[in-house]
Amino acid sequence: MKQVKLICPKEPEPTLLVSLGAEECRALVHHELTYDGKLLDCHRLRAGERQIIVSVYERCYFRVGNALTATVTIDDLGECTRVHWACGGGSDSALVNFDWGAADHFGTQIRKVLQEYELKKTKEG
């Protein structure tokens, strides 16, 4: 697959701190991204009661030969749960090699489903 050239501005920082537990957070993101996509893999690392969950999702657009991926990392290693994601995509087409902002939309879905649980940052951090 070829690399994507973005033609839309990138979204804000793809990391949120949320008030949910890691598993609750994973379930919300999973439900949102598998509505019209699929889970490719999920890997968990545990250290006592703490965990890191790394999930990879894919959404395919067969008519235009595009595929998008979202890699979502959720951890509860700190005082709250942190969610970080990276989205990208590509095309098999020799003529069309961009995603028209679809990869950013994938990330926007993650932000939208978690925004009501987002912990607001203070001036101290």
N, C-alpha and C. Protein backbone atom coordinates (compact mmCIF):
# COMPACT_ATOMS: atom_id res chain seq x y z
N MET A 1 0.82 -1.18 0.00
CA MET A 1 0.00 0.00 0.00
C MET A 1 0.86 1.25 0.00
N LYS A 2 0.38 2.29 -0.62
CA LYS A 2 1.12 3.54 -0.70
C LYS A 2 0.80 4.41 0.50
N GLN A 3 1.70 5.35 0.79
CA GLN A 3 1.51 6.25 1.90
C GLN A 3 0.50 7.33 1.53
N VAL A 4 -0.20 7.85 2.53
CA VAL A 4 -1.26 8.83 2.33
C VAL A 4 -0.71 10.25 2.40
N LYS A 5 -1.21 11.11 1.53
CA LYS A 5 -0.93 12.53 1.60
C LYS A 5 -2.18 13.20 2.14
N LEU A 6 -2.07 13.89 3.26
CA LEU A 6 -3.23 14.54 3.85
C LEU A 6 -3.52 15.85 3.14
N ILE A 7 -4.80 16.11 2.92
CA ILE A 7 -5.17 17.38 2.31
C ILE A 7 -6.02 18.20 3.27
N CYS A 8 -6.27 17.68 4.46
CA CYS A 8 -7.02 18.39 5.49
C CYS A 8 -6.07 18.62 6.67
N PRO A 9 -6.30 19.66 7.46
CA PRO A 9 -5.44 19.87 8.62
C PRO A 9 -5.59 18.72 9.62
N LYS A 10 -4.49 18.40 10.30
CA LYS A 10 -4.52 17.33 11.28
C LYS A 10 -5.37 17.75 12.47
N GLU A 11 -5.96 16.75 13.12
CA GLU A 11 -6.78 17.00 14.30
C GLU A 11 -5.89 17.41 15.47
N PRO A 12 -6.50 17.86 16.57
CA PRO A 12 -5.72 18.19 17.76
C PRO A 12 -4.98 16.96 18.29
N GLU A 13 -4.14 17.17 19.27
CA GLU A 13 -3.34 16.09 19.87
C GLU A 13 -4.20 14.84 20.07
N PRO A 14 -3.75 13.70 19.54
CA PRO A 14 -4.56 12.47 19.60
C PRO A 14 -4.40 11.71 20.92
N THR A 15 -4.49 12.43 22.04
CA THR A 15 -4.40 11.81 23.36
C THR A 15 -5.43 12.45 24.26
N LEU A 16 -6.14 11.63 25.01
CA LEU A 16 -7.09 12.13 26.01
C LEU A 16 -6.81 11.46 27.34
N LEU A 17 -7.04 12.20 28.42
CA LEU A 17 -7.08 11.64 29.76
C LEU A 17 -8.54 11.56 30.15
N VAL A 18 -8.99 10.38 30.56
CA VAL A 18 -10.42 10.18 30.83
C VAL A 18 -10.65 9.61 32.22
N SER A 19 -11.88 9.76 32.69
CA SER A 19 -12.25 9.30 34.03
C SER A 19 -12.72 7.85 34.05
N LEU A 20 -12.76 7.20 32.92
CA LEU A 20 -13.19 5.80 32.84
C LEU A 20 -12.03 4.86 33.18
N GLY A 21 -12.35 3.64 33.55
CA GLY A 21 -11.34 2.61 33.68
C GLY A 21 -10.90 2.16 32.29
N ALA A 22 -9.77 1.49 32.21
CA ALA A 22 -9.22 1.07 30.92
C ALA A 22 -10.19 0.16 30.16
N GLU A 23 -10.80 -0.78 30.84
CA GLU A 23 -11.70 -1.73 30.16
C GLU A 23 -12.98 -1.05 29.68
N GLU A 24 -13.54 -0.15 30.50
CA GLU A 24 -14.73 0.61 30.07
C GLU A 24 -14.41 1.46 28.84
N CYS A 25 -13.26 2.07 28.86
CA CYS A 25 -12.82 2.90 27.75
C CYS A 25 -12.66 2.06 26.48
N ARG A 26 -12.02 0.91 26.61
CA ARG A 26 -11.83 0.01 25.47
C ARG A 26 -13.17 -0.40 24.88
N ALA A 27 -14.14 -0.70 25.74
CA ALA A 27 -15.46 -1.13 25.27
C ALA A 27 -16.16 -0.03 24.48
N LEU A 28 -16.09 1.21 24.93
CA LEU A 28 -16.71 2.32 24.21
C LEU A 28 -16.06 2.54 22.85
N VAL A 29 -14.74 2.57 22.83
CA VAL A 29 -14.02 2.77 21.57
C VAL A 29 -14.30 1.61 20.62
N HIS A 30 -14.27 0.40 21.14
CA HIS A 30 -14.53 -0.79 20.32
C HIS A 30 -15.92 -0.73 19.68
N HIS A 31 -16.91 -0.37 20.47
CA HIS A 31 -18.28 -0.28 19.95
C HIS A 31 -18.37 0.76 18.83
N GLU A 32 -17.71 1.89 19.03
CA GLU A 32 -17.75 2.97 18.03
C GLU A 32 -17.05 2.59 16.73
N LEU A 33 -15.86 1.98 16.84
CA LEU A 33 -15.07 1.72 15.64
C LEU A 33 -15.45 0.45 14.91
N THR A 34 -16.16 -0.46 15.55
CA THR A 34 -16.59 -1.68 14.86
C THR A 34 -17.99 -1.55 14.27
N TYR A 35 -18.59 -0.36 14.39
CA TYR A 35 -19.90 -0.14 13.77
C TYR A 35 -19.79 -0.34 12.26
N ASP A 36 -18.75 0.24 11.67
CA ASP A 36 -18.53 0.06 10.23
C ASP A 36 -17.07 -0.29 9.94
N GLY A 37 -16.42 -0.89 10.90
CA GLY A 37 -15.04 -1.34 10.74
C GLY A 37 -14.88 -2.67 11.48
N LYS A 38 -13.64 -3.13 11.58
CA LYS A 38 -13.43 -4.39 12.30
C LYS A 38 -12.15 -4.32 13.12
N LEU A 39 -12.13 -5.10 14.18
CA LEU A 39 -10.96 -5.22 15.03
C LEU A 39 -10.00 -6.20 14.39
N LEU A 40 -8.77 -5.75 14.13
CA LEU A 40 -7.76 -6.63 13.56
C LEU A 40 -7.00 -7.38 14.65
N ASP A 41 -6.72 -6.68 15.76
CA ASP A 41 -5.96 -7.32 16.84
C ASP A 41 -6.11 -6.50 18.11
N CYS A 42 -6.03 -7.19 19.24
CA CYS A 42 -6.06 -6.54 20.55
C CYS A 42 -5.03 -7.26 21.43
N HIS A 43 -4.14 -6.49 22.02
CA HIS A 43 -3.10 -7.07 22.87
C HIS A 43 -3.14 -6.37 24.23
N ARG A 44 -3.06 -7.15 25.29
CA ARG A 44 -3.09 -6.60 26.65
C ARG A 44 -1.81 -6.95 27.38
N LEU A 45 -1.32 -5.98 28.11
CA LEU A 45 -0.18 -6.19 29.00
C LEU A 45 -0.67 -5.83 30.40
N ARG A 46 -0.44 -6.72 31.35
CA ARG A 46 -0.91 -6.47 32.72
C ARG A 46 0.27 -6.41 33.69
N ALA A 47 0.13 -5.52 34.67
CA ALA A 47 1.09 -5.42 35.76
C ALA A 47 0.27 -5.22 37.03
N GLY A 48 -0.08 -6.34 37.67
CA GLY A 48 -0.97 -6.26 38.82
C GLY A 48 -2.35 -5.81 38.39
N GLU A 49 -2.83 -4.74 39.01
CA GLU A 49 -4.15 -4.18 38.66
C GLU A 49 -4.10 -3.24 37.47
N ARG A 50 -2.91 -2.87 37.04
CA ARG A 50 -2.74 -1.92 35.93
C ARG A 50 -2.63 -2.67 34.61
N GLN A 51 -2.98 -1.98 33.51
CA GLN A 51 -2.89 -2.64 32.21
C GLN A 51 -2.70 -1.64 31.08
N ILE A 52 -2.18 -2.16 29.99
CA ILE A 52 -2.07 -1.43 28.72
C ILE A 52 -2.79 -2.27 27.68
N ILE A 53 -3.69 -1.64 26.92
CA ILE A 53 -4.45 -2.32 25.88
C ILE A 53 -4.12 -1.64 24.56
N VAL A 54 -3.65 -2.42 23.60
CA VAL A 54 -3.35 -1.90 22.26
C VAL A 54 -4.28 -2.61 21.28
N SER A 55 -5.11 -1.83 20.58
CA SER A 55 -6.06 -2.39 19.61
C SER A 55 -5.83 -1.76 18.25
N VAL A 56 -5.98 -2.58 17.21
CA VAL A 56 -5.83 -2.09 15.84
C VAL A 56 -7.14 -2.35 15.10
N TYR A 57 -7.71 -1.29 14.55
CA TYR A 57 -8.97 -1.37 13.82
C TYR A 57 -8.75 -1.04 12.36
N GLU A 58 -9.64 -1.55 11.52
CA GLU A 58 -9.54 -1.29 10.09
C GLU A 58 -10.93 -1.00 9.53
N ARG A 59 -10.95 -0.10 8.56
CA ARG A 59 -12.18 0.18 7.82
C ARG A 59 -11.79 0.18 6.35
N CYS A 60 -12.50 -0.60 5.54
CA CYS A 60 -12.20 -0.71 4.12
C CYS A 60 -13.30 -0.07 3.28
N TYR A 61 -12.88 0.58 2.22
CA TYR A 61 -13.79 1.16 1.24
C TYR A 61 -13.47 0.47 -0.08
N PHE A 62 -14.18 -0.61 -0.38
CA PHE A 62 -13.86 -1.46 -1.52
C PHE A 62 -14.09 -0.78 -2.87
N ARG A 63 -15.10 0.08 -2.97
CA ARG A 63 -15.37 0.73 -4.26
C ARG A 63 -14.21 1.58 -4.74
N VAL A 64 -13.53 2.22 -3.80
CA VAL A 64 -12.42 3.10 -4.19
C VAL A 64 -11.06 2.52 -3.83
N GLY A 65 -11.03 1.33 -3.25
CA GLY A 65 -9.78 0.65 -2.95
C GLY A 65 -8.98 1.27 -1.82
N ASN A 66 -9.65 1.88 -0.84
CA ASN A 66 -8.98 2.50 0.30
C ASN A 66 -9.15 1.67 1.56
N ALA A 67 -8.18 1.74 2.42
CA ALA A 67 -8.27 1.11 3.74
C ALA A 67 -7.74 2.09 4.77
N LEU A 68 -8.43 2.20 5.90
CA LEU A 68 -8.01 3.04 7.00
C LEU A 68 -7.69 2.16 8.19
N THR A 69 -6.74 2.58 9.00
CA THR A 69 -6.47 1.88 10.25
C THR A 69 -6.43 2.88 11.39
N ALA A 70 -6.76 2.39 12.57
CA ALA A 70 -6.62 3.17 13.80
C ALA A 70 -5.97 2.25 14.82
N THR A 71 -4.85 2.70 15.37
CA THR A 71 -4.19 1.98 16.45
C THR A 71 -4.48 2.77 17.72
N VAL A 72 -5.13 2.12 18.68
CA VAL A 72 -5.56 2.77 19.91
C VAL A 72 -4.83 2.14 21.08
N THR A 73 -4.15 2.97 21.88
CA THR A 73 -3.45 2.50 23.07
C THR A 73 -4.13 3.11 24.29
N ILE A 74 -4.55 2.26 25.19
CA ILE A 74 -5.23 2.68 26.42
C ILE A 74 -4.41 2.17 27.59
N ASP A 75 -4.09 3.06 28.54
CA ASP A 75 -3.37 2.59 29.73
C ASP A 75 -3.91 3.27 30.98
N ASP A 76 -3.85 2.56 32.06
CA ASP A 76 -4.23 3.11 33.36
C ASP A 76 -3.04 3.06 34.32
N LEU A 77 -1.86 3.35 33.79
CA LEU A 77 -0.63 3.31 34.58
C LEU A 77 -0.48 4.50 35.52
N GLY A 78 -1.13 5.60 35.19
CA GLY A 78 -1.06 6.81 36.02
C GLY A 78 -2.27 6.93 36.92
N GLU A 79 -2.57 8.17 37.30
CA GLU A 79 -3.71 8.43 38.18
C GLU A 79 -5.04 8.33 37.44
N CYS A 80 -5.01 8.42 36.12
CA CYS A 80 -6.23 8.31 35.33
C CYS A 80 -5.91 7.48 34.08
N THR A 81 -6.94 7.22 33.29
CA THR A 81 -6.76 6.43 32.07
C THR A 81 -6.37 7.35 30.93
N ARG A 82 -5.34 6.94 30.18
CA ARG A 82 -4.87 7.70 29.02
C ARG A 82 -5.20 6.92 27.76
N VAL A 83 -5.72 7.63 26.76
CA VAL A 83 -6.05 7.04 25.46
C VAL A 83 -5.27 7.79 24.41
N HIS A 84 -4.53 7.05 23.60
CA HIS A 84 -3.76 7.65 22.51
C HIS A 84 -4.07 6.86 21.24
N TRP A 85 -4.19 7.55 20.10
CA TRP A 85 -4.48 6.87 18.86
C TRP A 85 -3.67 7.45 17.71
N ALA A 86 -3.47 6.60 16.72
CA ALA A 86 -2.82 7.01 15.48
C ALA A 86 -3.63 6.40 14.34
N CYS A 87 -4.03 7.23 13.39
CA CYS A 87 -4.86 6.78 12.27
C CYS A 87 -4.13 7.04 10.96
N GLY A 88 -4.35 6.17 10.02
CA GLY A 88 -3.74 6.34 8.70
C GLY A 88 -4.48 5.52 7.68
N GLY A 89 -4.08 5.66 6.46
CA GLY A 89 -4.75 4.92 5.41
C GLY A 89 -3.97 4.98 4.12
N GLY A 90 -4.50 4.31 3.16
CA GLY A 90 -3.83 4.29 1.87
C GLY A 90 -4.74 3.76 0.79
N SER A 91 -4.19 3.71 -0.39
CA SER A 91 -4.95 3.30 -1.56
C SER A 91 -4.09 2.41 -2.44
N ASP A 92 -4.71 1.49 -3.13
CA ASP A 92 -4.01 0.66 -4.10
C ASP A 92 -3.97 1.33 -5.47
N SER A 93 -4.63 2.45 -5.59
CA SER A 93 -4.73 3.14 -6.87
C SER A 93 -3.43 3.87 -7.21
N ALA A 94 -3.03 3.83 -8.46
CA ALA A 94 -1.85 4.57 -8.91
C ALA A 94 -2.17 6.05 -9.09
N LEU A 95 -3.44 6.37 -9.31
CA LEU A 95 -3.83 7.76 -9.57
C LEU A 95 -4.23 8.51 -8.30
N VAL A 96 -4.91 7.84 -7.40
CA VAL A 96 -5.41 8.48 -6.20
C VAL A 96 -4.65 7.94 -5.00
N ASN A 97 -3.92 8.83 -4.30
CA ASN A 97 -3.09 8.39 -3.19
C ASN A 97 -3.29 9.29 -1.97
N PHE A 98 -4.55 9.58 -1.64
CA PHE A 98 -4.85 10.35 -0.45
C PHE A 98 -6.20 9.91 0.07
N ASP A 99 -6.51 10.35 1.31
CA ASP A 99 -7.73 9.83 1.94
C ASP A 99 -8.80 10.88 2.16
N TRP A 100 -8.64 12.08 1.66
CA TRP A 100 -9.62 13.16 1.78
C TRP A 100 -10.01 13.42 3.23
N GLY A 101 -9.10 13.16 4.18
CA GLY A 101 -9.38 13.42 5.59
C GLY A 101 -10.07 12.29 6.31
N ALA A 102 -10.27 11.16 5.66
CA ALA A 102 -11.00 10.04 6.29
C ALA A 102 -10.25 9.49 7.50
N ALA A 103 -8.92 9.47 7.47
CA ALA A 103 -8.16 8.97 8.62
C ALA A 103 -8.37 9.88 9.82
N ASP A 104 -8.41 11.19 9.60
CA ASP A 104 -8.68 12.11 10.70
C ASP A 104 -10.08 11.91 11.25
N HIS A 105 -11.03 11.57 10.38
CA HIS A 105 -12.40 11.31 10.84
C HIS A 105 -12.43 10.10 11.76
N PHE A 106 -11.65 9.09 11.46
CA PHE A 106 -11.54 7.91 12.32
C PHE A 106 -11.13 8.34 13.73
N GLY A 107 -10.13 9.21 13.82
CA GLY A 107 -9.69 9.73 15.11
C GLY A 107 -10.74 10.60 15.78
N THR A 108 -11.47 11.36 14.99
CA THR A 108 -12.52 12.21 15.53
C THR A 108 -13.61 11.37 16.19
N GLN A 109 -13.88 10.19 15.66
CA GLN A 109 -14.87 9.30 16.27
C GLN A 109 -14.43 8.88 17.67
N ILE A 110 -13.14 8.61 17.84
CA ILE A 110 -12.63 8.22 19.15
C ILE A 110 -12.79 9.37 20.13
N ARG A 111 -12.39 10.57 19.70
CA ARG A 111 -12.51 11.74 20.57
C ARG A 111 -13.97 11.99 20.95
N LYS A 112 -14.87 11.87 19.99
CA LYS A 112 -16.29 12.15 20.23
C LYS A 112 -16.90 11.19 21.25
N VAL A 113 -16.58 9.91 21.14
CA VAL A 113 -17.18 8.93 22.04
C VAL A 113 -16.65 9.07 23.47
N LEU A 114 -15.46 9.66 23.64
CA LEU A 114 -14.85 9.79 24.96
C LEU A 114 -14.93 11.19 25.55
N GLN A 115 -15.39 12.17 24.78
CA GLN A 115 -15.31 13.55 25.23
C GLN A 115 -16.07 13.83 26.53
N GLU A 116 -17.16 13.16 26.79
CA GLU A 116 -17.88 13.43 28.03
C GLU A 116 -17.15 12.90 29.26
N TYR A 117 -16.15 12.04 29.07
CA TYR A 117 -15.36 11.50 30.16
C TYR A 117 -13.98 12.15 30.26
N GLU A 118 -13.70 13.10 29.36
CA GLU A 118 -12.39 13.73 29.33
C GLU A 118 -12.16 14.55 30.59
N LEU A 119 -10.97 14.40 31.17
CA LEU A 119 -10.58 15.20 32.32
C LEU A 119 -9.99 16.51 31.80
N LYS A 120 -10.50 17.60 32.27
CA LYS A 120 -10.02 18.90 31.80
C LYS A 120 -8.68 19.21 32.45
N LYS A 121 -7.76 19.71 31.65
CA LYS A 121 -6.43 20.07 32.15
C LYS A 121 -6.49 21.41 32.87
N THR A 122 -5.71 21.52 33.94
CA THR A 122 -5.59 22.78 34.66
C THR A 122 -4.35 23.50 34.19
N LYS A 123 -4.14 24.73 34.66
CA LYS A 123 -2.95 25.47 34.28
C LYS A 123 -1.68 24.80 34.76
N GLU A 124 -1.77 24.06 35.88
CA GLU A 124 -0.62 23.36 36.42
C GLU A 124 -0.30 22.11 35.63
N GLY A 125 -1.20 21.65 34.78
CA GLY A 125 -0.96 20.45 33.98
C GLY A 125 -2.05 19.51 34.16
